[in-house]
């Protein structure tokens, strides 16, 4: 056969038996055909292209071909197949489970294909399956299901701070007078520190988006209806992903509350507003790390195929890289969670993790989780140490709340250690006893009785001494900031004895 005759023969084969007849398994069945094609210098891919059947063959391959992974035959993933299989699980269970469920039940390749092959996220799958329009929404940490991620993020923020809240209830009947809708629902309600319920609407953005005109009409009606509602709060949806912005919005209603309700070991490491997203992402990142030769999570350059990794085999992980930054705070923090921080030489186990947690509290007067959240007076070194310890605690012990219980640590959430607080506490002690924190910390039992210093005050003095270097660099700079100098302890002791004798 000439080249033209061979192609004509293969075309007739396709016309009679369909696209499957041009697949490698089918051509191999016909004795000598594959050898003849190869002898002519053709590859099957070139034959398909010359016959103009690329698209049809690609669809056939995706639907029918399999590949071998770890000795097992697996069907190739297409986006349609992902939707079909996920939809089947959704129908069987009544809702779409999180990505971690699929990974734990032998369906990890489905999750892998979503993030890698199709460069999508679990949220994209939820949208396709219309999960937001059923009874199975985005779940927040307290088990509530919401219509969207911003609502779940706001719920997580409130739950972590012990603020009572509930799903949005229906507008009063009078709302029908303000627009063309007969009814409407608030997004959420939360209770203030004085017992009032606040009605919350989370506003979206529709710049030239789907149903923008309709959305604008509904929003205008709701804003007009609530214009005289003293208990109404509207929040832009993007602000629900930012703890600082939410704190500013909610401060007039609940004050500034540090998060203290933690159900998962990673809760203290990640912003509360990202809990719902990060749970699935961390589980997926563990599978990426497990696939590496050293078992460690790779660099951002590796994920994005840049620099020395530009020619590495496999898919790019651009989407994963973006969400690691957005939801977790970067690869460094992710490695802390996975206990894979670079340069760590500590051999962590249950005992060392618990001891490091206690030592951190004794040194700084705050627990590692607080260091992550406090903005004033927390150095980079404190932040780094807190991440290491929380990562070790997560992998070898459990939650920080459990550690606090075992160690007897009661967190003073009303006050934050900072440079300003150190000065205030030191000044109070000096005005009361005429002694600096260092002098109080070094009092012997007899002097403690003489000056009337309690164990609690001596403990505060010790914490101040431990943190002076962190915030001020030296005792001299600290006392300069305080406006007083250490006095002669012997003179103070004589004056105190003299006053006691006079009394």
Protein backbone atom coordinates (compact mmCIF):
# COMPACT_ATOMS: atom_id res chain seq x y z
CA UNK A 1 0.00 0.00 0.00
CA UNK A 2 1.01 3.58 -0.62
CA UNK A 3 0.51 6.14 2.15
CA UNK A 4 -2.67 7.33 0.46
CA UNK A 5 -3.99 3.78 0.14
CA UNK A 6 -3.24 3.12 3.82
CA UNK A 7 -5.10 6.22 4.94
CA UNK A 8 -8.01 5.32 2.65
CA UNK A 9 -8.10 1.82 4.15
CA UNK A 10 -8.17 3.24 7.69
CA UNK A 11 -10.90 5.71 6.72
CA UNK A 12 -13.06 2.88 5.39
CA UNK A 13 -12.37 1.03 8.65
CA UNK A 14 -13.63 4.06 10.59
CA UNK A 15 -16.73 4.40 8.39
CA UNK A 16 -17.64 0.74 8.94
CA UNK A 17 -16.77 0.27 12.61
CA UNK A 18 -16.61 3.73 14.18
CA UNK A 19 -13.87 5.63 15.98
CA UNK A 20 -13.08 2.69 18.28
CA UNK A 21 -11.61 0.79 15.32
CA UNK A 22 -8.72 3.28 15.19
CA UNK A 23 -7.68 2.74 18.80
CA UNK A 24 -4.45 0.92 19.56
CA UNK A 25 -6.16 -2.13 21.18
CA UNK A 26 -8.43 -2.62 18.15
CA UNK A 27 -5.70 -2.14 15.54
CA UNK A 28 -3.45 -4.62 17.39
CA UNK A 29 -6.18 -7.24 17.04
CA UNK A 30 -5.84 -7.23 13.24
CA UNK A 31 -2.69 -9.15 12.41
CA UNK A 32 0.06 -7.06 10.82
CA UNK A 33 -1.90 -3.78 10.66
CA UNK A 34 -0.07 -1.95 13.43
CA UNK A 35 3.31 -3.09 12.03
CA UNK A 36 2.32 -1.86 8.54
CA UNK A 37 1.33 1.57 9.94
CA UNK A 38 4.56 1.78 11.92
CA UNK A 39 6.62 0.73 8.87
CA UNK A 40 5.14 3.61 6.88
CA UNK A 41 6.46 5.98 9.56
CA UNK A 42 3.05 6.87 10.99
CA UNK A 43 2.03 7.12 14.62
CA UNK A 44 -1.61 6.55 15.52
CA UNK A 45 -1.88 10.17 16.68
CA UNK A 46 -0.72 11.34 13.23
CA UNK A 47 -3.19 9.02 11.49
CA UNK A 48 -6.06 10.42 13.56
CA UNK A 49 -4.94 13.97 12.71
CA UNK A 50 -4.60 13.26 8.96
CA UNK A 51 -8.12 11.82 8.94
CA UNK A 52 -9.47 14.91 10.74
CA UNK A 53 -10.83 12.89 13.66
CA UNK A 54 -8.92 14.47 16.59
CA UNK A 55 -11.95 15.80 18.47
CA UNK A 56 -14.01 12.64 18.07
CA UNK A 57 -11.08 10.43 19.07
CA UNK A 58 -10.33 12.59 22.16
CA UNK A 59 -13.92 12.24 23.34
CA UNK A 60 -13.81 8.48 22.76
CA UNK A 61 -10.49 8.17 24.61
CA UNK A 62 -11.71 10.14 27.61
CA UNK A 63 -14.84 8.03 27.87
CA UNK A 64 -13.30 4.62 27.32
CA UNK A 65 -9.56 4.54 27.81
CA UNK A 66 -7.96 3.55 31.08
CA UNK A 67 -4.55 4.11 32.57
CA UNK A 68 -2.49 2.13 35.05
CA UNK A 69 -1.80 3.74 38.43
CA UNK A 70 0.09 1.78 41.09
CA UNK A 71 -0.78 -1.46 39.36
CA UNK A 72 -4.48 -0.64 39.13
CA UNK A 73 -6.46 0.14 35.98
CA UNK A 74 -8.31 3.45 36.23
CA UNK A 75 -10.58 5.19 33.76
CA UNK A 76 -9.36 8.57 32.59
CA UNK A 77 -10.99 11.55 34.25
CA UNK A 78 -13.04 14.02 32.25
CA UNK A 79 -14.98 16.92 33.72
CA UNK A 80 -18.20 15.16 32.71
CA UNK A 81 -17.09 12.02 34.52
CA UNK A 82 -16.22 14.04 37.64
CA UNK A 83 -19.70 15.56 37.64
CA UNK A 84 -21.35 12.19 37.00
CA UNK A 85 -19.53 10.37 39.82
CA UNK A 86 -19.85 13.23 42.31
CA UNK A 87 -23.53 13.54 41.44
CA UNK A 88 -23.97 9.83 42.15
CA UNK A 89 -22.44 10.23 45.61
CA UNK A 90 -24.59 13.31 46.20
CA UNK A 91 -27.77 11.38 45.30
CA UNK A 92 -26.80 8.43 47.46
CA UNK A 93 -25.90 10.47 50.56
CA UNK A 94 -28.38 13.30 50.13
CA UNK A 95 -25.62 15.91 49.97
CA UNK A 96 -22.17 16.43 48.47
CA UNK A 97 -19.53 15.46 51.07
CA UNK A 98 -16.32 17.49 51.39
CA UNK A 99 -13.24 16.57 49.37
CA UNK A 100 -11.71 14.81 52.39
CA UNK A 101 -14.55 12.26 52.35
CA UNK A 102 -13.73 11.30 48.75
CA UNK A 103 -10.04 10.93 49.62
CA UNK A 104 -10.82 8.74 52.62
CA UNK A 105 -13.16 6.50 50.62
CA UNK A 106 -10.99 5.48 47.70
CA UNK A 107 -11.97 8.36 45.42
CA UNK A 108 -8.93 10.58 45.86
CA UNK A 109 -8.19 10.61 42.12
CA UNK A 110 -11.45 12.50 41.55
CA UNK A 111 -10.25 15.27 43.89
CA UNK A 112 -6.80 15.20 42.30
CA UNK A 113 -8.24 15.70 38.81
CA UNK A 114 -10.39 18.66 39.93
CA UNK A 115 -7.46 20.62 41.32
CA UNK A 116 -4.78 19.55 38.85
CA UNK A 117 -6.17 18.39 35.51
CA UNK A 118 -9.02 20.90 35.33
CA UNK A 119 -7.50 23.68 37.47
CA UNK A 120 -10.73 24.02 39.45
CA UNK A 121 -11.73 23.88 43.13
CA UNK A 122 -14.26 21.96 45.18
CA UNK A 123 -16.38 25.09 45.19
CA UNK A 124 -16.60 24.92 41.38
CA UNK A 125 -18.00 21.39 41.67
CA UNK A 126 -20.56 22.55 44.23
CA UNK A 127 -21.76 25.23 41.82
CA UNK A 128 -22.14 22.77 38.94
CA UNK A 129 -24.10 20.35 41.13
CA UNK A 130 -26.29 23.22 42.34
CA UNK A 131 -25.42 22.47 45.96
CA UNK A 132 -26.21 26.03 46.93
CA UNK A 133 -29.81 25.62 45.85
CA UNK A 134 -30.56 22.52 47.94
CA UNK A 135 -30.67 21.77 51.63
CA UNK A 136 -26.95 21.03 51.52
CA UNK A 137 -25.01 24.26 51.54
CA UNK A 138 -21.53 25.31 52.68
CA UNK A 139 -20.99 23.96 56.19
CA UNK A 140 -19.53 26.13 58.93
CA UNK A 141 -17.64 24.80 61.94
CA UNK A 142 -20.74 24.53 64.15
CA UNK A 143 -22.45 22.22 61.62
CA UNK A 144 -24.78 24.84 60.12
CA UNK A 145 -25.22 24.84 56.32
CA UNK A 146 -25.27 28.12 54.42
CA UNK A 147 -26.10 29.31 50.93
CA UNK A 148 -22.60 30.66 50.29
CA UNK A 149 -19.04 30.76 51.55
CA UNK A 150 -19.30 34.36 52.83
CA UNK A 151 -22.18 33.32 55.09
CA UNK A 152 -20.24 30.29 56.31
CA UNK A 153 -17.19 32.49 56.95
CA UNK A 154 -19.23 34.93 59.02
CA UNK A 155 -20.71 32.00 60.94
CA UNK A 156 -17.21 30.65 61.64
CA UNK A 157 -16.08 34.07 62.86
CA UNK A 158 -19.00 34.31 65.30
CA UNK A 159 -18.78 30.69 66.44
CA UNK A 160 -15.07 30.98 67.24
CA UNK A 161 -15.89 33.92 69.51
CA UNK A 162 -18.82 32.31 71.28
CA UNK A 163 -21.38 34.65 69.72
CA UNK A 164 -24.87 33.19 69.38
CA UNK A 165 -26.20 33.30 65.82
CA UNK A 166 -28.76 31.61 63.59
CA UNK A 167 -29.88 31.31 59.98
CA UNK A 168 -31.68 34.21 58.35
CA UNK A 169 -35.40 34.39 58.93
CA UNK A 170 -38.12 35.67 56.63
CA UNK A 171 -38.73 39.39 56.28
CA UNK A 172 -41.96 40.78 57.75
CA UNK A 173 -44.96 40.72 55.40
CA UNK A 174 -44.68 44.47 54.93
CA UNK A 175 -41.51 43.88 52.88
CA UNK A 176 -43.70 43.05 49.85
CA UNK A 177 -44.57 46.74 49.59
CA UNK A 178 -40.95 47.69 48.79
CA UNK A 179 -40.23 45.71 45.65
CA UNK A 180 -41.66 43.26 43.17
CA UNK A 181 -40.98 40.26 45.45
CA UNK A 182 -43.64 38.98 47.81
CA UNK A 183 -41.11 37.84 50.40
CA UNK A 184 -37.39 37.84 51.26
CA UNK A 185 -34.97 36.31 53.76
CA UNK A 186 -32.14 37.77 55.80
CA UNK A 187 -28.81 35.96 55.52
CA UNK A 188 -28.07 35.63 59.24
CA UNK A 189 -28.91 36.94 62.71
CA UNK A 190 -26.55 37.28 65.69
CA UNK A 191 -27.05 38.34 69.30
CA UNK A 192 -25.27 41.43 70.67
CA UNK A 193 -23.64 41.77 74.08
CA UNK A 194 -26.81 43.50 75.35
CA UNK A 195 -29.12 40.75 74.09
CA UNK A 196 -30.48 42.26 70.85
CA UNK A 197 -30.74 40.26 67.62
CA UNK A 198 -29.08 41.92 64.60
CA UNK A 199 -30.50 41.31 61.10
CA UNK A 200 -27.68 40.75 58.61
CA UNK A 201 -27.61 40.99 54.83
CA UNK A 202 -24.42 40.02 53.00
CA UNK A 203 -24.27 42.06 49.83
CA UNK A 204 -22.83 40.57 46.64
CA UNK A 205 -21.28 42.30 43.64
CA UNK A 206 -22.77 41.92 40.17
CA UNK A 207 -20.64 44.02 37.80
CA UNK A 208 -22.08 42.94 34.46
CA UNK A 209 -22.66 39.54 35.98
CA UNK A 210 -25.54 37.09 35.97
CA UNK A 211 -28.92 38.70 36.72
CA UNK A 212 -27.25 41.99 37.66
CA UNK A 213 -30.34 44.06 36.99
CA UNK A 214 -32.55 41.76 39.03
CA UNK A 215 -30.05 41.71 41.90
CA UNK A 216 -29.88 45.51 41.94
CA UNK A 217 -33.67 45.74 42.30
CA UNK A 218 -33.74 43.26 45.20
CA UNK A 219 -30.88 44.97 47.02
CA UNK A 220 -32.47 48.40 46.66
CA UNK A 221 -35.74 47.07 48.07
CA UNK A 222 -34.00 45.49 51.06
CA UNK A 223 -31.91 48.58 51.77
CA UNK A 224 -35.00 50.78 51.64
CA UNK A 225 -36.98 48.44 53.89
CA UNK A 226 -34.16 48.34 56.49
CA UNK A 227 -33.35 52.06 56.36
CA UNK A 228 -35.26 52.60 59.62
CA UNK A 229 -34.22 49.30 61.23
CA UNK A 230 -31.83 50.09 64.13
CA UNK A 231 -30.84 46.42 64.30
CA UNK A 232 -29.82 46.03 60.65
CA UNK A 233 -26.28 45.44 59.40
CA UNK A 234 -25.22 45.10 55.76
CA UNK A 235 -21.80 43.60 54.98
CA UNK A 236 -20.05 43.29 51.63
CA UNK A 237 -19.40 39.63 50.82
CA UNK A 238 -15.65 40.15 50.37
CA UNK A 239 -15.36 41.55 53.90
CA UNK A 240 -16.59 38.21 55.28
CA UNK A 241 -13.25 36.62 54.34
CA UNK A 242 -11.18 39.18 56.30
CA UNK A 243 -11.03 38.93 60.11
CA UNK A 244 -9.93 42.54 60.59
CA UNK A 245 -12.77 43.93 58.45
CA UNK A 246 -15.35 41.75 60.19
CA UNK A 247 -14.01 42.84 63.57
CA UNK A 248 -14.50 46.48 62.53
CA UNK A 249 -18.05 45.80 61.32
CA UNK A 250 -19.07 43.89 64.46
CA UNK A 251 -17.21 45.87 67.14
CA UNK A 252 -20.22 48.13 67.92
CA UNK A 253 -22.36 45.04 68.56
CA UNK A 254 -20.11 42.46 70.23
CA UNK A 255 -16.91 44.33 71.05
CA UNK A 256 -13.49 42.88 70.18
CA UNK A 257 -13.37 39.21 71.13
CA UNK A 258 -10.38 36.97 70.58
CA UNK A 259 -11.39 33.57 69.13
CA UNK A 260 -11.38 30.83 71.75
CA UNK A 261 -13.66 28.05 70.45
CA UNK A 262 -11.42 25.62 68.55
CA UNK A 263 -12.69 22.20 67.47
CA UNK A 264 -9.80 21.16 65.20
CA UNK A 265 -6.06 21.33 65.86
CA UNK A 266 -5.54 23.57 62.81
CA UNK A 267 -8.21 26.08 63.88
CA UNK A 268 -5.72 28.23 65.79
CA UNK A 269 -3.34 28.39 62.82
CA UNK A 270 -5.84 29.55 60.18
CA UNK A 271 -8.06 32.63 60.13
CA UNK A 272 -11.50 31.69 61.39
CA UNK A 273 -13.04 33.18 58.24
CA UNK A 274 -11.22 30.58 56.13
CA UNK A 275 -12.05 27.46 58.14
CA UNK A 276 -14.66 26.06 55.72
CA UNK A 277 -12.32 26.37 52.73
CA UNK A 278 -9.07 25.38 54.40
CA UNK A 279 -10.24 22.00 55.75
CA UNK A 280 -10.59 20.59 52.23
CA UNK A 281 -7.44 22.25 50.95
CA UNK A 282 -5.22 20.93 53.76
CA UNK A 283 -6.43 17.39 53.14
CA UNK A 284 -5.60 17.76 49.45
CA UNK A 285 -2.17 19.28 50.17
CA UNK A 286 -1.33 16.24 52.29
CA UNK A 287 -1.83 14.06 49.21
CA UNK A 288 0.48 16.31 47.17
CA UNK A 289 3.16 16.03 49.86
CA UNK A 290 2.75 12.26 50.02
CA UNK A 291 3.41 12.02 46.27
CA UNK A 292 6.82 13.71 46.61
CA UNK A 293 9.94 11.55 46.89
CA UNK A 294 10.85 13.08 50.27
CA UNK A 295 7.26 13.30 51.51
CA UNK A 296 7.56 17.09 51.92
CA UNK A 297 5.23 19.70 50.47
CA UNK A 298 6.97 21.35 47.47
CA UNK A 299 7.81 25.01 46.86
CA UNK A 300 5.63 27.51 45.03
CA UNK A 301 8.05 27.36 42.06
CA UNK A 302 7.45 23.61 41.86
CA UNK A 303 3.68 24.09 42.01
CA UNK A 304 3.72 26.69 39.23
CA UNK A 305 6.47 25.03 37.11
CA UNK A 306 8.83 27.97 37.34
CA UNK A 307 12.58 28.40 37.67
CA UNK A 308 14.43 25.10 37.90
CA UNK A 309 11.08 23.26 37.92
CA UNK A 310 9.80 24.64 34.62
CA UNK A 311 10.44 21.36 32.81
CA UNK A 312 9.27 18.96 35.50
CA UNK A 313 6.73 16.35 34.50
CA UNK A 314 3.11 16.51 35.55
CA UNK A 315 0.43 19.15 35.87
CA UNK A 316 0.76 22.69 37.18
CA UNK A 317 -0.86 23.59 40.50
CA UNK A 318 -1.54 27.28 39.90
CA UNK A 319 -4.99 27.19 41.49
CA UNK A 320 -3.71 25.30 44.52
CA UNK A 321 -0.95 27.88 44.98
CA UNK A 322 -3.44 30.75 44.89
CA UNK A 323 -5.74 29.18 47.48
CA UNK A 324 -2.86 28.24 49.78
CA UNK A 325 -2.12 31.97 49.97
CA UNK A 326 -5.75 33.01 50.26
CA UNK A 327 -7.11 30.46 52.72
CA UNK A 328 -4.11 29.29 54.72
CA UNK A 329 -1.71 32.22 54.61
CA UNK A 330 1.04 30.82 52.40
CA UNK A 331 3.20 27.73 51.98
CA UNK A 332 5.25 28.48 55.10
CA UNK A 333 2.13 28.33 57.27
CA UNK A 334 0.94 25.22 55.43
CA UNK A 335 4.24 23.52 56.22
CA UNK A 336 3.80 24.47 59.86
CA UNK A 337 0.42 22.71 59.81
CA UNK A 338 1.97 19.67 58.11
CA UNK A 339 4.93 19.84 60.54
CA UNK A 340 7.36 20.24 57.67
CA UNK A 341 8.89 23.60 58.45
CA UNK A 342 12.34 24.09 56.95
CA UNK A 343 15.28 23.94 59.31
CA UNK A 344 13.38 22.36 62.17
CA UNK A 345 15.68 20.05 64.15
CA UNK A 346 13.33 19.31 67.05
CA UNK A 347 12.20 15.71 67.33
CA UNK A 348 8.56 16.36 68.12
CA UNK A 349 6.36 13.99 70.07
CA UNK A 350 3.50 14.40 72.54
CA UNK A 351 5.72 15.41 75.45
CA UNK A 352 7.96 17.85 73.57
CA UNK A 353 4.99 19.55 71.91
CA UNK A 354 3.22 20.03 75.25
CA UNK A 355 6.39 21.27 76.96
CA UNK A 356 7.09 23.76 74.15
CA UNK A 357 3.52 25.05 74.45
CA UNK A 358 3.92 25.56 78.22
CA UNK A 359 7.37 27.18 77.83
CA UNK A 360 5.97 29.60 75.26
CA UNK A 361 3.20 30.66 77.64
CA UNK A 362 5.62 31.05 80.54
CA UNK A 363 7.95 33.19 78.44
CA UNK A 364 5.49 35.48 76.68
CA UNK A 365 2.35 35.40 78.82
CA UNK A 366 0.21 34.40 75.84
CA UNK A 367 -0.40 31.03 74.17
CA UNK A 368 0.88 30.41 70.62
CA UNK A 369 -2.60 30.76 69.13
CA UNK A 370 -2.93 34.28 70.51
CA UNK A 371 0.39 35.28 68.97
CA UNK A 372 -1.04 34.44 65.53
CA UNK A 373 -3.95 36.82 66.00
CA UNK A 374 -2.57 39.74 68.00
CA UNK A 375 -1.32 42.60 65.86
CA UNK A 376 0.36 44.74 68.53
CA UNK A 377 3.62 43.79 70.11
CA UNK A 378 4.07 40.33 68.57
CA UNK A 379 7.49 39.92 66.97
CA UNK A 380 8.30 37.80 63.92
CA UNK A 381 10.23 35.44 66.14
CA UNK A 382 7.17 34.94 68.34
CA UNK A 383 5.04 34.31 65.26
CA UNK A 384 7.50 31.78 63.89
CA UNK A 385 7.78 29.89 67.18
CA UNK A 386 4.01 29.85 67.62
CA UNK A 387 3.55 28.28 64.17
CA UNK A 388 6.09 25.55 64.91
CA UNK A 389 4.51 24.69 68.23
CA UNK A 390 0.93 24.68 66.94
CA UNK A 391 1.97 22.46 64.02
CA UNK A 392 3.62 19.98 66.42
CA UNK A 393 0.60 20.12 68.74
CA UNK A 394 -1.69 19.38 65.81
CA UNK A 395 0.26 16.30 64.73
CA UNK A 396 1.21 14.81 68.09
CA UNK A 397 -1.26 15.98 70.72
CA UNK A 398 -4.54 17.58 69.75
CA UNK A 399 -6.19 20.97 70.18
CA UNK A 400 -4.75 23.90 72.08
CA UNK A 401 -7.87 23.93 74.27
CA UNK A 402 -7.03 20.40 75.38
CA UNK A 403 -3.45 21.48 76.16
CA UNK A 404 -4.73 24.47 78.17
CA UNK A 405 -6.91 22.15 80.25
CA UNK A 406 -4.09 19.71 80.94
CA UNK A 407 -1.59 22.46 81.79
CA UNK A 408 -4.07 24.50 83.83
CA UNK A 409 -3.66 27.57 81.62
CA UNK A 410 -6.50 30.07 81.94
CA UNK A 411 -6.27 32.61 79.13
CA UNK A 412 -6.98 36.19 80.07
CA UNK A 413 -8.88 37.21 76.94
CA UNK A 414 -9.77 40.62 78.27
CA UNK A 415 -6.13 41.76 78.21
CA UNK A 416 -3.41 41.36 75.62
CA UNK A 417 0.30 41.38 76.36
CA UNK A 418 1.89 44.19 74.42
CA UNK A 419 4.51 46.87 74.98
CA UNK A 420 1.82 49.22 76.22
CA UNK A 421 0.44 46.69 78.68
CA UNK A 422 3.95 45.92 80.02
CA UNK A 423 4.42 49.60 80.84
CA UNK A 424 0.98 49.81 82.49
CA UNK A 425 1.52 46.70 84.61
CA UNK A 426 5.07 47.72 85.63
CA UNK A 427 3.93 51.24 86.57
CA UNK A 428 1.11 49.83 88.73
CA UNK A 429 3.57 47.61 90.61
CA UNK A 430 6.09 50.44 91.04
CA UNK A 431 3.48 52.84 92.37
CA UNK A 432 2.25 50.20 94.84
CA UNK A 433 5.60 48.91 96.17
CA UNK A 434 8.33 51.21 94.88
CA UNK A 435 9.92 48.19 93.20
CA UNK A 436 10.59 47.33 89.61
CA UNK A 437 9.24 44.05 88.13
CA UNK A 438 12.76 42.57 88.25
CA UNK A 439 13.08 43.40 91.94
CA UNK A 440 9.66 41.92 92.72
CA UNK A 441 10.49 38.81 90.70
CA UNK A 442 13.65 38.29 92.79
CA UNK A 443 12.06 38.77 96.22
CA UNK A 444 12.77 36.01 98.70
CA UNK A 445 9.89 34.58 100.79
CA UNK A 446 10.69 36.89 103.72
CA UNK A 447 10.68 40.01 101.54
CA UNK A 448 7.41 38.90 99.89
CA UNK A 449 5.76 38.93 103.30
CA UNK A 450 7.48 42.19 104.24
CA UNK A 451 6.24 44.05 101.17
CA UNK A 452 2.91 42.23 100.98
CA UNK A 453 3.46 41.00 97.41
CA UNK A 454 1.04 38.23 96.40
CA UNK A 455 1.96 35.18 94.35
CA UNK A 456 -0.19 36.51 91.50
CA UNK A 457 1.67 39.84 91.47
CA UNK A 458 5.02 38.08 91.57
CA UNK A 459 3.87 35.98 88.61
CA UNK A 460 2.93 39.12 86.66
CA UNK A 461 6.34 40.63 87.46
CA UNK A 462 8.02 37.50 86.15
CA UNK A 463 6.10 37.68 82.87
CA UNK A 464 7.06 41.35 82.45
CA UNK A 465 10.74 40.52 83.00
CA UNK A 466 10.56 37.68 80.48
CA UNK A 467 9.06 39.90 77.78
CA UNK A 468 11.06 43.12 78.27
CA UNK A 469 13.72 41.98 75.81
CA UNK A 470 11.14 41.01 73.22
CA UNK A 471 9.39 44.39 73.18
CA UNK A 472 12.09 46.87 74.25
CA UNK A 473 15.46 45.19 73.68
CA UNK A 474 16.88 46.02 77.11
CA UNK A 475 15.78 46.84 80.68
CA UNK A 476 17.28 50.33 80.35
CA UNK A 477 15.03 51.19 77.39
CA UNK A 478 12.05 49.68 79.17
CA UNK A 479 12.48 51.75 82.34
CA UNK A 480 13.06 54.83 80.21
CA UNK A 481 9.70 54.18 78.53
CA UNK A 482 8.10 53.67 81.95
CA UNK A 483 9.46 56.95 83.29
CA UNK A 484 11.03 55.51 86.44
CA UNK A 485 14.37 53.99 87.45
CA UNK A 486 15.13 51.02 89.72
CA UNK A 487 15.52 52.15 93.32
CA UNK A 488 17.87 50.89 96.00
CA UNK A 489 16.13 47.76 97.33
CA UNK A 490 17.96 48.10 100.66
CA UNK A 491 16.60 51.61 101.11
CA UNK A 492 13.07 50.48 100.26
CA UNK A 493 13.44 47.55 102.67
CA UNK A 494 14.53 49.88 105.52
CA UNK A 495 11.68 52.30 104.80
CA UNK A 496 9.16 49.46 104.79
CA UNK A 497 10.47 48.08 108.13
CA UNK A 498 10.42 51.57 109.64
CA UNK A 499 6.81 52.11 108.53
CA UNK A 500 5.85 48.74 109.96
CA UNK A 501 7.49 49.57 113.32
CA UNK A 502 5.68 52.93 113.46
CA UNK A 503 2.35 51.25 112.83
